Amino acid sequence: MKHKVLKINKKDNVLVALSDLVAGELIEFEGTTYKLQENIPAKHKFFMHHMQQGDEVLMYGVLVGKTQYEVPQGSRMTTDNTKHATEPYIYRKTNYQWHQPNIDKYANRTFQGYHRSNGTVGTANYWLFVPTVFCENRNLDMIREALHNELGYAVGGKYKNYAHDLISAYQNGEDLDAVLSVPNPQQRRLFKNVDGIKFLNHNGGCGGTRQDSHTLSQLLAAYADHPNVAGVTVLSLGCQHLQVNDFKNDLLLRNPSFDKPLLVFEQQKAQSEEELIKDAIKQTLKGLIQINEIERKPAPLSQLCVGVKCGGSDGFSGISANPAVGHCADLLVALGAKVLLAEFPELCGAEQEMIDRCETEESARKFMRLMSEYDELAHQVGSGFYMNPSPGNIKDGLITDAIKSVGAARKAGSASIVDVLDYTEPATKPGLSLVCTPGNDVEATTGKAAAGATLILFTTGLGTPTGNPVCPTIKVATNSGLAKRMGDIIDIDAGPIITGDKSIAEMGEDILEYCIKVASGQEIPKAVQLNQDDFIPWKRGVSL
């Protein structure tokens, strides 16, 4: 550990503890000695000055809160002495200049991807099962159980086999401790060029509002048209709000030349549930044989579309993993790729920066409108963006939503913003786009994939098992302790930034190298290995 504390921006009036500090300890920083009034756990902040009631608290160079009462120098920032506060934001014409990183070493690099007829390139080759209504979830579950084990895609298959062997040992009077684990069924995958069969179980399609069903239709169409999807099986009951024709129309609106295998089965027209399921399995198997003919081929890095996300965030998120991912994002943008930043509740406090970085006034004003409408909807149900931080966030140093948000925005690097997308709108422009989603991990990743992300970089300080059905999700730990403790779900450790052993730029390049390997099928992220296929459609305005 080269330093005990960090000042993120020269304007800040708080210091971040990089390791646990104790009451009475003297901290030397930039010619000033600070005597700590209390223990300051790693990731938390203490005040550089004696603060009066109502004084502004600055981090990352912006307002993130105000003190609620007089607080001595060297005191820890807490939810009692500091409350969320941000500056109002406006549109102002700026001449934003982005200094892009050097990309010479990546100029001729490629990845091995799946080329689609519409010009997009996938990082995976999946078959997708889509129910138009929650009534079909049970049928999807039965098909999943039938196909996953047999085709070698079931993570749980090894545990089933292990349990079977334990039971056999018990029945034969043998020692249970002598039973060893068995090979993972994925090692005997039948279709080498099919990376998985994915199931989009959900609780929508009927009931609720017609708007919910309409939005769900657009979401399911986005997933069917996703570059990582090669074929689709649709299960419909028949009488639900979300009709198959609605789904098909939304699919053709999104991609008029859609030509992937599309199989549709409607239960109320079938002779029986058994016949429906058998037919769906048989026809899907024929489709799998067809898409297994597709092979990976070289593609330029400009064909990548990478979503950047954080979840289970901590006080190091905005210092290590997020800015490292941000540097990777800048490299990708410089290479002509697409980068997607979502989680609008976690841009509260960073709005002015986002507005100033928009290339057009139209995009800036669309962002302002979406932010204000979303926050207003949250207030209508008794909430607001200021209530976003979770107990875990707060425990590990994210005291206000503005602190969390400004640190979260660092995942997007410093490139200018080329577009602002509402939920389910596709990303079409190379460069950095903002995507309107909740901050909720699964709702955000669900929306990011709908916008076209073919990889997701997911930073975490506390640890989270979140993944996505069609978009490989790469976990980046903010600290080495987490990377060691939860190594079964973490892919990359950004902790060396905290210890001073690596720079943000070096870690960003490491992350890009890993992305290229994942996009080529050479590395399989932990979330994919564990079938962490989380999918939650967003009902507007009720989620942070």
Protein backbone atom coordinates (compact mmCIF):
# COMPACT_ATOMS: atom_id res chain seq x y z
CA MET A 1 0.00 0.00 0.00
CA LYS A 2 1.79 3.12 -1.25
CA HIS A 3 -0.64 5.62 0.33
CA LYS A 4 -3.14 5.53 3.20
CA VAL A 5 -5.60 8.03 1.75
CA LEU A 6 -6.71 9.39 -1.61
CA LYS A 7 -8.04 12.74 -2.73
CA ILE A 8 -9.96 12.03 -5.92
CA ASN A 9 -10.25 15.60 -7.22
CA LYS A 10 -8.35 18.73 -6.22
CA LYS A 11 -11.67 20.43 -5.36
CA ASP A 12 -12.69 17.73 -2.85
CA ASN A 13 -12.95 18.42 0.88
CA VAL A 14 -12.93 14.76 1.97
CA LEU A 15 -10.24 12.08 1.83
CA VAL A 16 -10.86 8.38 1.11
CA ALA A 17 -9.29 5.80 3.44
CA LEU A 18 -7.48 3.16 1.37
CA SER A 19 -7.02 0.95 4.45
CA ASP A 20 -8.48 0.84 7.95
CA LEU A 21 -7.44 3.91 9.96
CA VAL A 22 -7.77 4.25 13.74
CA ALA A 23 -8.96 7.05 16.01
CA GLY A 24 -6.14 9.38 17.04
CA GLU A 25 -3.97 8.41 14.07
CA LEU A 26 -2.12 11.28 12.39
CA ILE A 27 -2.50 11.31 8.60
CA GLU A 28 -0.03 13.38 6.59
CA PHE A 29 -1.34 14.49 3.22
CA GLU A 30 -0.10 17.26 0.92
CA GLY A 31 1.62 19.14 3.73
CA THR A 32 -1.25 18.96 6.21
CA THR A 33 -1.60 16.69 9.24
CA TYR A 34 -5.06 15.34 10.04
CA LYS A 35 -5.86 13.85 13.45
CA LEU A 36 -8.63 11.31 13.13
CA GLN A 37 -11.54 11.80 15.52
CA GLU A 38 -12.73 8.19 15.15
CA ASN A 39 -11.97 4.94 13.33
CA ILE A 40 -12.21 5.32 9.56
CA PRO A 41 -12.78 1.93 7.86
CA ALA A 42 -11.27 1.37 4.43
CA LYS A 43 -13.46 2.80 1.63
CA HIS A 44 -14.97 5.48 3.94
CA LYS A 45 -14.24 9.20 3.93
CA PHE A 46 -13.24 11.79 6.52
CA PHE A 47 -13.56 15.57 6.42
CA MET A 48 -10.49 17.66 5.65
CA HIS A 49 -11.92 20.75 7.35
CA HIS A 50 -14.12 21.69 10.27
CA MET A 51 -17.62 21.66 8.74
CA GLN A 52 -20.57 23.84 9.74
CA GLN A 53 -24.22 22.85 9.36
CA GLY A 54 -25.24 23.12 5.70
CA ASP A 55 -21.70 23.11 4.31
CA GLU A 56 -21.26 21.53 0.90
CA VAL A 57 -19.48 18.17 0.67
CA LEU A 58 -17.44 17.77 -2.50
CA MET A 59 -16.20 14.51 -4.08
CA TYR A 60 -15.04 13.91 -7.64
CA GLY A 61 -15.03 17.72 -7.82
CA VAL A 62 -18.83 18.06 -7.53
CA LEU A 63 -21.48 18.50 -4.84
CA VAL A 64 -22.48 15.13 -3.36
CA GLY A 65 -24.07 16.16 -0.05
CA LYS A 66 -24.47 18.71 2.72
CA THR A 67 -23.58 18.43 6.39
CA GLN A 68 -26.52 18.29 8.80
CA TYR A 69 -24.69 19.71 11.81
CA GLU A 70 -21.27 20.89 12.90
CA VAL A 71 -18.63 18.22 12.22
CA PRO A 72 -14.96 18.44 13.36
CA GLN A 73 -12.04 17.97 10.99
CA GLY A 74 -10.96 14.32 10.82
CA SER A 75 -14.48 12.97 11.42
CA ARG A 76 -15.96 10.17 9.37
CA MET A 77 -18.68 10.98 6.84
CA THR A 78 -21.89 9.15 7.83
CA THR A 79 -25.56 9.05 6.88
CA ASP A 80 -26.25 11.06 10.05
CA ASN A 81 -23.93 13.99 9.39
CA THR A 82 -24.26 14.09 5.59
CA LYS A 83 -27.35 14.01 3.38
CA HIS A 84 -27.63 13.74 -0.40
CA ALA A 85 -27.43 17.00 -2.36
CA THR A 86 -26.69 17.82 -5.98
CA GLU A 87 -26.43 20.89 -8.18
CA PRO A 88 -29.32 21.61 -10.58
CA TYR A 89 -28.52 20.79 -14.18
CA ILE A 90 -29.20 22.73 -17.38
CA TYR A 91 -28.44 22.49 -21.05
CA ARG A 92 -25.52 24.72 -21.95
CA LYS A 93 -23.72 24.68 -25.27
CA THR A 94 -20.19 23.45 -24.70
CA ASN A 95 -17.25 22.62 -26.88
CA TYR A 96 -16.44 19.33 -25.19
CA GLN A 97 -13.05 17.98 -26.23
CA TRP A 98 -12.20 14.32 -25.73
CA HIS A 99 -8.57 13.29 -25.68
CA GLN A 100 -8.77 9.72 -26.89
CA PRO A 101 -6.21 7.15 -25.72
CA ASN A 102 -3.54 5.70 -27.98
CA ILE A 103 -4.88 2.62 -29.77
CA ASP A 104 -1.94 1.75 -32.00
CA LYS A 105 -1.46 -1.67 -30.38
CA TYR A 106 -5.10 -2.60 -31.13
CA ALA A 107 -5.37 -1.17 -34.65
CA ASN A 108 -5.28 -4.55 -36.42
CA ARG A 109 -6.72 -6.73 -33.66
CA THR A 110 -9.76 -8.90 -34.28
CA PHE A 111 -12.01 -11.26 -32.36
CA GLN A 112 -13.60 -14.52 -33.49
CA GLY A 113 -17.31 -13.85 -33.67
CA TYR A 114 -20.55 -15.09 -35.22
CA HIS A 115 -21.47 -12.99 -38.27
CA ARG A 116 -25.18 -12.30 -38.81
CA SER A 117 -26.89 -11.41 -42.09
CA ASN A 118 -27.70 -7.84 -40.93
CA GLY A 119 -24.00 -7.04 -40.46
CA THR A 120 -23.82 -7.45 -36.68
CA VAL A 121 -21.37 -9.86 -35.05
CA GLY A 122 -22.17 -11.94 -31.99
CA THR A 123 -19.79 -13.02 -29.27
CA ALA A 124 -21.88 -16.16 -28.67
CA ASN A 125 -24.29 -18.41 -30.57
CA TYR A 126 -27.45 -19.12 -28.56
CA TRP A 127 -30.87 -20.61 -29.19
CA LEU A 128 -33.57 -18.64 -27.38
CA PHE A 129 -36.89 -19.77 -25.87
CA VAL A 130 -39.41 -16.93 -25.50
CA PRO A 131 -42.80 -17.14 -23.74
CA THR A 132 -45.28 -14.44 -24.75
CA VAL A 133 -47.00 -14.84 -21.37
CA PHE A 134 -46.13 -16.11 -17.90
CA CYS A 135 -48.61 -18.99 -18.34
CA GLU A 136 -45.99 -20.71 -20.51
CA ASN A 137 -43.19 -20.57 -17.92
CA ARG A 138 -43.94 -24.09 -16.70
CA ASN A 139 -43.69 -25.48 -20.22
CA LEU A 140 -40.37 -23.68 -20.66
CA ASP A 141 -39.13 -25.23 -17.42
CA MET A 142 -40.06 -28.72 -18.61
CA ILE A 143 -38.29 -28.18 -21.94
CA ARG A 144 -35.24 -26.80 -20.14
CA GLU A 145 -35.09 -29.87 -17.90
CA ALA A 146 -35.42 -32.15 -20.92
CA LEU A 147 -32.81 -30.45 -23.13
CA HIS A 148 -30.19 -28.96 -20.82
CA ASN A 149 -28.81 -32.21 -19.45
CA GLU A 150 -29.09 -34.15 -22.68
CA LEU A 151 -27.31 -31.50 -24.74
CA GLY A 152 -24.66 -30.72 -22.13
CA TYR A 153 -25.68 -27.19 -21.11
CA ALA A 154 -26.83 -27.83 -17.52
CA VAL A 155 -24.57 -26.57 -14.75
CA GLY A 156 -26.69 -28.42 -12.23
CA GLY A 157 -26.14 -31.70 -14.05
CA LYS A 158 -22.94 -32.41 -12.18
CA TYR A 159 -24.73 -31.92 -8.87
CA LYS A 160 -27.52 -34.26 -9.95
CA ASN A 161 -24.97 -36.88 -10.87
CA TYR A 162 -23.12 -36.31 -7.61
CA ALA A 163 -26.34 -36.67 -5.60
CA HIS A 164 -27.15 -39.84 -7.55
CA ASP A 165 -23.76 -41.32 -6.67
CA LEU A 166 -24.18 -40.40 -2.99
CA ILE A 167 -27.58 -42.09 -2.87
CA SER A 168 -26.17 -45.19 -4.58
CA ALA A 169 -23.32 -45.31 -2.06
CA TYR A 170 -25.78 -45.09 0.83
CA GLN A 171 -27.95 -47.83 -0.63
CA ASN A 172 -24.91 -50.05 -1.07
CA GLY A 173 -23.63 -49.38 2.44
CA GLU A 174 -20.56 -47.51 1.16
CA ASP A 175 -18.71 -44.50 2.65
CA LEU A 176 -20.27 -41.25 1.45
CA ASP A 177 -16.97 -39.40 1.87
CA ALA A 178 -15.42 -41.66 -0.75
CA VAL A 179 -17.80 -40.35 -3.44
CA LEU A 180 -16.03 -37.91 -5.74
CA SER A 181 -17.58 -35.28 -7.99
CA VAL A 182 -18.33 -36.31 -11.57
CA PRO A 183 -17.51 -34.54 -14.85
CA ASN A 184 -19.62 -31.53 -15.78
CA PRO A 185 -22.20 -32.39 -18.48
CA GLN A 186 -20.94 -29.34 -20.42
CA GLN A 187 -17.85 -31.37 -21.24
CA ARG A 188 -20.01 -33.55 -23.51
CA ARG A 189 -21.82 -30.78 -25.42
CA LEU A 190 -23.50 -32.21 -28.51
CA PHE A 191 -23.36 -29.06 -30.65
CA LYS A 192 -19.87 -27.55 -30.56
CA ASN A 193 -20.93 -24.28 -32.24
CA VAL A 194 -24.02 -23.70 -30.08
CA ASP A 195 -23.01 -21.97 -26.84
CA GLY A 196 -26.28 -22.60 -25.04
CA ILE A 197 -30.06 -22.73 -24.98
CA LYS A 198 -31.53 -19.77 -23.10
CA PHE A 199 -34.99 -19.34 -21.57
CA LEU A 200 -36.58 -15.92 -20.95
CA ASN A 201 -39.05 -16.78 -18.17
CA HIS A 202 -40.97 -13.69 -17.03
CA ASN A 203 -44.18 -12.69 -15.22
CA GLY A 204 -45.71 -10.49 -17.92
CA GLY A 205 -47.66 -10.73 -21.14
CA CYS A 206 -51.12 -10.48 -19.55
CA GLY A 207 -52.71 -8.70 -16.61
CA GLY A 208 -50.94 -5.50 -15.62
CA THR A 209 -51.29 -2.70 -18.16
CA ARG A 210 -51.32 -2.84 -21.92
CA GLN A 211 -48.26 -0.58 -21.81
CA ASP A 212 -46.42 -3.28 -19.84
CA SER A 213 -47.27 -5.89 -22.48
CA HIS A 214 -46.25 -3.53 -25.29
CA THR A 215 -42.90 -2.83 -23.65
CA LEU A 216 -42.39 -6.54 -23.01
CA SER A 217 -43.06 -7.27 -26.68
CA GLN A 218 -40.38 -4.79 -27.71
CA LEU A 219 -37.98 -6.28 -25.17
CA LEU A 220 -38.53 -9.86 -26.36
CA ALA A 221 -38.15 -8.73 -29.98
CA ALA A 222 -34.84 -7.09 -29.08
CA TYR A 223 -33.59 -10.34 -27.57
CA ALA A 224 -34.74 -12.39 -30.58
CA ASP A 225 -32.87 -9.99 -32.88
CA HIS A 226 -29.76 -9.93 -30.63
CA PRO A 227 -26.44 -10.65 -32.39
CA ASN A 228 -25.72 -13.46 -29.91
CA VAL A 229 -28.98 -15.24 -30.79
CA ALA A 230 -29.16 -17.55 -33.82
CA GLY A 231 -32.65 -19.02 -33.49
CA VAL A 232 -35.84 -18.60 -31.47
CA THR A 233 -38.66 -20.80 -30.17
CA VAL A 234 -41.79 -18.88 -29.09
CA LEU A 235 -44.39 -20.41 -26.75
CA SER A 236 -47.80 -18.73 -26.58
CA LEU A 237 -50.96 -19.60 -24.67
CA GLY A 238 -53.20 -17.82 -27.19
CA CYS A 239 -55.55 -15.50 -25.29
CA GLN A 240 -53.00 -13.22 -23.59
CA HIS A 241 -52.51 -9.48 -24.10
CA LEU A 242 -49.17 -9.97 -25.84
CA GLN A 243 -50.19 -11.70 -29.04
CA VAL A 244 -47.70 -13.51 -31.27
CA ASN A 245 -48.47 -11.09 -34.11
CA ASP A 246 -47.58 -8.15 -31.85
CA PHE A 247 -44.24 -9.76 -31.11
CA LYS A 248 -43.60 -10.47 -34.81
CA ASN A 249 -44.52 -6.91 -35.78
CA ASP A 250 -42.11 -5.49 -33.20
CA LEU A 251 -39.44 -7.87 -34.45
CA LEU A 252 -39.87 -6.68 -38.05
CA LEU A 253 -39.95 -3.02 -36.97
CA ARG A 254 -36.59 -3.58 -35.33
CA ASN A 255 -35.16 -5.64 -38.20
CA PRO A 256 -37.24 -5.77 -41.44
CA SER A 257 -34.87 -8.41 -42.85
CA PHE A 258 -35.02 -10.74 -39.82
CA ASP A 259 -34.17 -14.21 -41.15
CA LYS A 260 -33.25 -16.37 -38.16
CA PRO A 261 -35.18 -19.62 -37.56
CA LEU A 262 -38.37 -18.65 -35.69
CA LEU A 263 -40.57 -21.44 -34.32
CA VAL A 264 -43.99 -20.59 -32.83
CA PHE A 265 -46.16 -22.92 -30.74
CA GLU A 266 -49.58 -21.91 -29.38
CA GLN A 267 -50.96 -24.09 -26.59
CA GLN A 268 -54.65 -23.33 -27.14
CA LYS A 269 -54.30 -24.65 -30.69
CA ALA A 270 -52.37 -27.78 -29.70
CA GLN A 271 -53.94 -31.22 -29.25
CA SER A 272 -52.43 -31.44 -25.76
CA GLU A 273 -49.69 -30.02 -23.58
CA GLU A 274 -47.67 -33.16 -24.19
CA GLU A 275 -47.91 -32.79 -27.97
CA LEU A 276 -46.95 -29.09 -27.71
CA ILE A 277 -43.83 -29.83 -25.68
CA LYS A 278 -42.77 -32.80 -27.79
CA ASP A 279 -43.20 -30.81 -31.01
CA ALA A 280 -41.31 -27.82 -29.59
CA ILE A 281 -38.42 -30.06 -28.53
CA LYS A 282 -38.25 -31.88 -31.89
CA GLN A 283 -38.45 -28.73 -34.03
CA THR A 284 -35.95 -26.91 -31.83
CA LEU A 285 -33.52 -29.80 -32.14
CA LYS A 286 -33.74 -29.46 -35.93
CA GLY A 287 -33.04 -25.74 -35.52
CA LEU A 288 -30.02 -26.45 -33.32
CA ILE A 289 -28.63 -28.73 -36.01
CA GLN A 290 -29.02 -25.84 -38.45
CA ILE A 291 -27.32 -23.13 -36.35
CA ASN A 292 -24.52 -25.52 -35.40
CA GLU A 293 -23.26 -24.98 -38.95
CA ILE A 294 -22.38 -21.37 -38.08
CA GLU A 295 -18.72 -20.97 -37.09
CA ARG A 296 -16.70 -18.16 -35.56
CA LYS A 297 -14.86 -15.91 -38.01
CA PRO A 298 -12.57 -12.88 -37.55
CA ALA A 299 -14.21 -9.51 -36.97
CA PRO A 300 -12.72 -6.08 -36.18
CA LEU A 301 -13.00 -4.81 -32.61
CA SER A 302 -15.29 -2.08 -33.95
CA GLN A 303 -18.01 -4.75 -34.10
CA LEU A 304 -18.09 -5.10 -30.30
CA CYS A 305 -20.92 -3.56 -28.30
CA VAL A 306 -20.01 -3.47 -24.61
CA GLY A 307 -22.33 -2.53 -21.77
CA VAL A 308 -20.76 -1.16 -18.58
CA LYS A 309 -22.53 -1.87 -15.29
CA CYS A 310 -21.86 -1.82 -11.54
CA GLY A 311 -23.67 -3.66 -8.76
CA GLY A 312 -22.97 -4.47 -5.13
CA SER A 313 -20.86 -1.30 -5.26
CA ASP A 314 -18.51 -0.13 -2.51
CA GLY A 315 -16.36 2.85 -1.65
CA PHE A 316 -13.63 1.64 -4.01
CA SER A 317 -15.92 1.25 -7.04
CA GLY A 318 -15.36 4.80 -8.29
CA ILE A 319 -11.61 4.57 -7.59
CA SER A 320 -10.50 1.24 -9.04
CA ALA A 321 -12.82 -0.96 -11.11
CA ASN A 322 -15.09 1.75 -12.55
CA PRO A 323 -12.34 4.03 -13.90
CA ALA A 324 -10.44 0.96 -15.19
CA VAL A 325 -13.55 -0.13 -17.08
CA GLY A 326 -13.88 3.51 -18.16
CA HIS A 327 -10.41 3.41 -19.71
CA CYS A 328 -11.36 0.19 -21.49
CA ALA A 329 -14.52 1.97 -22.70
CA ASP A 330 -12.45 4.84 -24.08
CA LEU A 331 -10.22 2.37 -25.94
CA LEU A 332 -13.29 0.69 -27.43
CA VAL A 333 -14.83 4.01 -28.51
CA ALA A 334 -11.53 5.04 -30.11
CA LEU A 335 -11.58 1.74 -32.01
CA GLY A 336 -15.06 2.47 -33.39
CA ALA A 337 -16.97 0.09 -31.12
CA LYS A 338 -20.18 0.80 -29.20
CA VAL A 339 -20.25 1.32 -25.41
CA LEU A 340 -23.48 1.51 -23.39
CA LEU A 341 -23.88 3.24 -20.01
CA ALA A 342 -27.26 2.70 -18.32
CA GLU A 343 -28.66 2.91 -14.74
CA PHE A 344 -30.21 6.39 -14.86
CA PRO A 345 -30.87 6.54 -11.07
CA GLU A 346 -27.10 6.16 -10.72
CA LEU A 347 -26.42 9.25 -12.82
CA CYS A 348 -28.09 11.49 -10.22
CA GLY A 349 -25.43 14.08 -9.47
CA ALA A 350 -23.53 13.37 -12.68
CA GLU A 351 -26.21 14.86 -14.95
CA GLN A 352 -24.35 18.04 -15.83
CA GLU A 353 -21.28 16.12 -16.91
CA MET A 354 -23.41 13.84 -19.09
CA ILE A 355 -25.24 16.78 -20.63
CA ASP A 356 -22.01 18.64 -21.37
CA ARG A 357 -20.57 15.53 -23.06
CA CYS A 358 -23.53 15.06 -25.44
CA GLU A 359 -22.56 15.72 -29.05
CA THR A 360 -25.98 17.15 -29.94
CA GLU A 361 -28.53 19.31 -28.16
CA GLU A 362 -31.19 16.77 -29.13
CA SER A 363 -29.42 14.00 -27.18
CA ALA A 364 -28.79 16.28 -24.21
CA ARG A 365 -32.43 17.31 -23.95
CA LYS A 366 -33.63 13.72 -24.40
CA PHE A 367 -31.40 12.69 -21.49
CA MET A 368 -32.75 15.55 -19.35
CA ARG A 369 -36.34 14.58 -20.18
CA LEU A 370 -35.85 10.89 -19.43
CA MET A 371 -34.12 11.67 -16.14
CA SER A 372 -36.80 14.09 -14.95
CA GLU A 373 -39.69 11.84 -16.03
CA TYR A 374 -38.13 8.81 -14.36
CA ASP A 375 -37.45 10.65 -11.09
CA GLU A 376 -40.98 12.04 -11.09
CA LEU A 377 -42.46 8.55 -11.52
CA ALA A 378 -40.32 7.35 -8.62
CA HIS A 379 -41.59 10.21 -6.44
CA GLN A 380 -45.17 9.32 -7.31
CA VAL A 381 -44.71 5.97 -5.55
CA GLY A 382 -43.03 7.58 -2.52
CA SER A 383 -39.40 7.24 -3.58
CA GLY A 384 -36.73 9.13 -5.50
CA PHE A 385 -33.22 8.75 -6.88
CA TYR A 386 -31.79 9.88 -3.52
CA MET A 387 -33.03 6.59 -2.01
CA ASN A 388 -30.98 4.44 -4.40
CA PRO A 389 -28.03 3.36 -2.19
CA SER A 390 -28.60 -0.02 -0.55
CA PRO A 391 -27.61 -0.90 3.04
CA GLY A 392 -24.59 -2.71 1.63
CA ASN A 393 -23.55 0.35 -0.40
CA ILE A 394 -23.80 2.57 2.67
CA LYS A 395 -21.97 0.11 4.94
CA ASP A 396 -19.02 0.16 2.52
CA GLY A 397 -18.74 3.91 2.11
CA LEU A 398 -21.35 5.10 -0.42
CA ILE A 399 -23.12 7.53 1.91
CA THR A 400 -25.25 9.46 -0.61
CA ASP A 401 -26.69 8.64 -4.01
CA ALA A 402 -24.57 11.39 -5.56
CA ILE A 403 -21.37 9.73 -4.27
CA LYS A 404 -22.52 6.43 -5.70
CA SER A 405 -23.65 8.01 -8.98
CA VAL A 406 -20.60 10.12 -9.77
CA GLY A 407 -18.38 7.12 -9.06
CA ALA A 408 -20.64 4.91 -11.18
CA ALA A 409 -20.40 7.33 -14.12
CA ARG A 410 -16.65 6.71 -14.29
CA LYS A 411 -17.38 3.37 -16.00
CA ALA A 412 -18.12 5.40 -19.14
CA GLY A 413 -14.65 6.90 -19.38
CA SER A 414 -14.46 10.38 -20.85
CA ALA A 415 -15.63 10.01 -24.47
CA SER A 416 -18.33 12.25 -25.82
CA ILE A 417 -21.88 10.87 -25.88
CA VAL A 418 -23.20 10.11 -29.37
CA ASP A 419 -26.73 9.01 -28.48
CA VAL A 420 -29.33 8.67 -25.72
CA LEU A 421 -31.63 5.62 -25.87
CA ASP A 422 -34.91 4.94 -24.15
CA TYR A 423 -35.59 1.43 -22.82
CA THR A 424 -35.42 -1.24 -25.64
CA GLU A 425 -34.18 1.25 -28.26
CA PRO A 426 -31.23 -0.24 -30.20
CA ALA A 427 -27.75 1.26 -30.24
CA THR A 428 -26.94 2.09 -33.85
CA LYS A 429 -24.13 4.63 -33.61
CA PRO A 430 -20.47 3.81 -32.89
CA GLY A 431 -19.33 5.45 -29.67
CA LEU A 432 -20.74 5.96 -26.17
CA SER A 433 -24.53 5.89 -25.71
CA LEU A 434 -26.67 6.36 -22.59
CA VAL A 435 -29.43 3.77 -22.09
CA CYS A 436 -32.41 4.46 -19.81
CA THR A 437 -32.76 1.58 -17.31
CA PRO A 438 -33.14 1.21 -13.55
CA GLY A 439 -30.08 0.81 -11.36
CA ASN A 440 -31.34 -2.61 -10.26
CA ASP A 441 -28.69 -5.08 -11.42
CA VAL A 442 -30.87 -7.48 -13.39
CA GLU A 443 -33.27 -4.89 -14.82
CA ALA A 444 -30.25 -2.88 -15.99
CA THR A 445 -28.42 -5.80 -17.60
CA THR A 446 -31.71 -6.93 -19.17
CA GLY A 447 -32.13 -3.48 -20.74
CA LYS A 448 -28.50 -3.20 -21.76
CA ALA A 449 -28.68 -6.47 -23.71
CA ALA A 450 -31.89 -5.22 -25.36
CA ALA A 451 -29.96 -2.19 -26.62
CA GLY A 452 -27.52 -4.59 -28.30
CA ALA A 453 -24.69 -5.22 -25.82
CA THR A 454 -22.78 -8.35 -26.83
CA LEU A 455 -20.59 -8.22 -23.72
CA ILE A 456 -21.22 -6.65 -20.30
CA LEU A 457 -18.45 -5.44 -17.99
CA PHE A 458 -19.89 -5.62 -14.48
CA THR A 459 -17.95 -4.09 -11.60
CA THR A 460 -18.65 -5.05 -7.99
CA GLY A 461 -17.18 -4.29 -4.60
CA LEU A 462 -19.39 -6.50 -2.46
CA GLY A 463 -19.95 -9.37 -4.91
CA THR A 464 -22.99 -10.31 -6.97
CA PRO A 465 -23.85 -13.39 -9.04
CA THR A 466 -25.78 -11.45 -11.70
CA GLY A 467 -25.56 -12.56 -15.33
CA ASN A 468 -27.63 -12.35 -18.51
CA PRO A 469 -29.15 -15.04 -20.75
CA VAL A 470 -27.72 -13.81 -24.07
CA CYS A 471 -24.88 -11.44 -23.14
CA PRO A 472 -21.71 -12.84 -21.51
CA THR A 473 -21.19 -10.87 -18.29
CA ILE A 474 -17.65 -10.26 -17.01
CA LYS A 475 -17.23 -9.50 -13.30
CA VAL A 476 -14.55 -7.01 -12.21
CA ALA A 477 -13.80 -6.79 -8.48
CA THR A 478 -12.95 -3.42 -6.97
CA ASN A 479 -10.68 -4.99 -4.33
CA SER A 480 -8.47 -8.06 -4.04
CA GLY A 481 -10.18 -9.27 -0.87
CA LEU A 482 -13.42 -9.79 -2.78
CA ALA A 483 -11.62 -11.38 -5.73
CA LYS A 484 -10.11 -14.00 -3.41
CA ARG A 485 -13.19 -14.53 -1.26
CA MET A 486 -15.63 -14.90 -4.17
CA GLY A 487 -13.29 -16.20 -6.84
CA ASP A 488 -16.03 -18.47 -8.15
CA ILE A 489 -17.91 -15.46 -9.56
CA ILE A 490 -15.12 -12.89 -10.18
CA ASP A 491 -13.19 -12.79 -13.46
CA ILE A 492 -10.87 -9.79 -13.02
CA ASP A 493 -9.30 -8.24 -9.91
CA ALA A 494 -8.89 -4.44 -10.06
CA GLY A 495 -7.51 -4.39 -6.50
CA PRO A 496 -3.93 -3.70 -7.66
CA ILE A 497 -5.07 -0.14 -8.44
CA ILE A 498 -5.81 0.39 -4.72
CA THR A 499 -2.43 -0.98 -3.65
CA GLY A 500 -0.64 1.09 -6.28
CA ASP A 501 0.71 -1.95 -8.13
CA LYS A 502 -1.13 -1.11 -11.36
CA SER A 503 -2.35 2.07 -12.99
CA ILE A 504 -5.92 2.61 -14.15
CA ALA A 505 -4.71 2.57 -17.75
CA GLU A 506 -2.84 -0.72 -17.30
CA MET A 507 -5.87 -2.36 -15.73
CA GLY A 508 -8.11 -0.97 -18.48
CA GLU A 509 -5.91 -2.62 -21.10
CA ASP A 510 -6.01 -5.90 -19.16
CA ILE A 511 -9.81 -5.71 -19.18
CA LEU A 512 -9.91 -5.13 -22.94
CA GLU A 513 -7.64 -8.12 -23.53
CA TYR A 514 -9.99 -10.28 -21.48
CA CYS A 515 -12.98 -8.95 -23.44
CA ILE A 516 -11.33 -9.97 -26.71
CA LYS A 517 -10.78 -13.50 -25.37
CA VAL A 518 -14.38 -13.79 -24.17
CA ALA A 519 -15.72 -12.41 -27.47
CA SER A 520 -13.69 -15.09 -29.26
CA GLY A 521 -14.90 -17.94 -27.07
CA GLN A 522 -11.39 -18.48 -25.65
CA GLU A 523 -12.44 -17.50 -22.11
CA ILE A 524 -15.78 -18.29 -20.49
CA PRO A 525 -16.79 -15.78 -17.76
CA LYS A 526 -17.88 -17.24 -14.43
CA ALA A 527 -21.46 -15.96 -14.87
CA VAL A 528 -21.72 -17.94 -18.11
CA GLN A 529 -20.13 -21.04 -16.59
CA LEU A 530 -22.70 -20.94 -13.79
CA ASN A 531 -25.70 -20.31 -16.09
CA GLN A 532 -26.50 -17.06 -14.27
CA ASP A 533 -29.21 -16.18 -16.79
CA ASP A 534 -31.02 -13.38 -14.97
CA PHE A 535 -33.83 -11.65 -16.85
CA ILE A 536 -36.28 -9.09 -15.39
CA PRO A 537 -38.33 -6.81 -17.67
CA TRP A 538 -38.72 -3.27 -16.31
CA LYS A 539 -42.12 -1.84 -15.36
CA ARG A 540 -41.53 1.86 -15.74
CA GLY A 541 -41.12 4.06 -12.70
CA VAL A 542 -41.27 1.50 -9.89
CA SER A 543 -37.63 0.48 -9.64
CA LEU A 544 -34.38 2.21 -8.74
